[in-house]
Amino acid sequence: MDDDLLHAMQTGQIAAATLDVFHTEPLLDNHPFWRTPRLTITPHIAAETLREESTEQIANKIMVLTRGEPISSIVDVKREY
């Protein structure tokens, strides 16, 4: 899939792209996306943060932690995401 996008950009089928998520995370340092003109890479910030929904999610996680239960979506520092 990555090769298909690169080919489409090189041939002009696609003029530009912005990517936020990849097949392999984190994106490897030597991946060709880093060197592709007109390809923008964002650090998982492509979406607007919705205050009300985010506040509710944080409050729910605090309640779960208070009960001594495991929470979801823990950042894996070794994997860098």
Protein backbone atom coordinates (compact mmCIF):
# COMPACT_ATOMS: atom_id res chain seq x y z
CA MET A 1 0.00 0.00 0.00
CA ASP A 2 2.79 2.42 0.84
CA ASP A 3 4.40 1.68 -2.51
CA ASP A 4 1.09 2.33 -4.28
CA LEU A 5 0.80 5.77 -2.70
CA LEU A 6 4.41 6.60 -3.51
CA HIS A 7 3.92 5.52 -7.12
CA ALA A 8 0.72 7.54 -7.45
CA MET A 9 2.48 10.63 -6.12
CA GLN A 10 5.54 10.13 -8.35
CA THR A 11 3.37 9.77 -11.47
CA GLY A 12 1.16 12.74 -10.62
CA GLN A 13 -1.97 10.67 -10.10
CA ILE A 14 -2.07 12.14 -6.58
CA ALA A 15 -0.76 15.68 -6.16
CA ALA A 16 -0.26 15.62 -2.38
CA ALA A 17 -1.11 13.66 0.74
CA THR A 18 -1.28 14.16 4.49
CA LEU A 19 -0.85 11.06 6.65
CA ASP A 20 -1.44 10.61 10.36
CA VAL A 21 -1.43 6.80 10.79
CA PHE A 22 0.81 4.16 9.24
CA HIS A 23 0.90 0.38 8.79
CA THR A 24 4.00 0.23 10.98
CA GLU A 25 4.03 2.53 14.00
CA PRO A 26 6.10 4.44 14.66
CA LEU A 27 7.09 5.20 11.09
CA LEU A 28 10.64 3.97 10.58
CA ASP A 29 13.36 6.63 10.31
CA ASN A 30 14.39 5.38 6.87
CA HIS A 31 10.86 5.15 5.41
CA PRO A 32 10.55 6.87 2.00
CA PHE A 33 7.57 8.90 3.20
CA TRP A 34 10.00 11.13 5.11
CA ARG A 35 11.72 12.09 1.84
CA THR A 36 8.65 12.40 -0.38
CA PRO A 37 7.88 15.94 -1.55
CA ARG A 38 4.26 17.07 -1.07
CA LEU A 39 3.68 14.37 1.58
CA THR A 40 2.95 15.78 5.02
CA ILE A 41 3.27 13.62 8.13
CA THR A 42 1.44 14.65 11.30
CA PRO A 43 2.15 13.33 14.81
CA HIS A 44 -1.35 11.93 15.39
CA ILE A 45 -2.88 15.38 15.69
CA ALA A 46 -4.92 15.41 12.50
CA ALA A 47 -8.22 15.64 14.35
CA GLU A 48 -9.61 18.44 16.46
CA THR A 49 -9.76 17.71 20.19
CA LEU A 50 -13.35 17.98 21.35
CA ARG A 51 -13.30 19.41 24.87
CA GLU A 52 -16.53 17.86 26.18
CA GLU A 53 -15.78 14.35 24.89
CA SER A 54 -12.15 14.52 26.04
CA THR A 55 -13.14 15.69 29.53
CA GLU A 56 -15.64 12.84 29.82
CA GLN A 57 -13.03 10.31 28.70
CA ILE A 58 -10.49 11.59 31.24
CA ALA A 59 -13.06 11.57 34.05
CA ASN A 60 -14.06 7.99 33.21
CA LYS A 61 -10.42 6.86 33.24
CA ILE A 62 -9.90 8.49 36.65
CA MET A 63 -12.94 6.63 38.02
CA VAL A 64 -11.66 3.33 36.60
CA LEU A 65 -8.20 3.91 38.12
CA THR A 66 -9.78 4.85 41.46
CA ARG A 67 -11.51 1.45 41.49
CA GLY A 68 -8.14 -0.20 40.86
CA GLU A 69 -9.13 -1.43 37.40
CA PRO A 70 -6.89 -1.29 34.32
CA ILE A 71 -7.51 1.49 31.80
CA SER A 72 -7.35 1.31 28.02
CA SER A 73 -5.13 3.20 25.58
CA ILE A 74 -1.96 3.22 27.63
CA VAL A 75 1.04 4.78 25.88
CA ASP A 76 3.80 2.23 25.30
CA VAL A 77 6.95 4.29 25.86
CA LYS A 78 9.15 1.61 24.29
CA ARG A 79 7.07 1.72 21.07
CA GLU A 80 6.83 5.53 21.26
CA TYR A 81 3.04 5.66 20.94
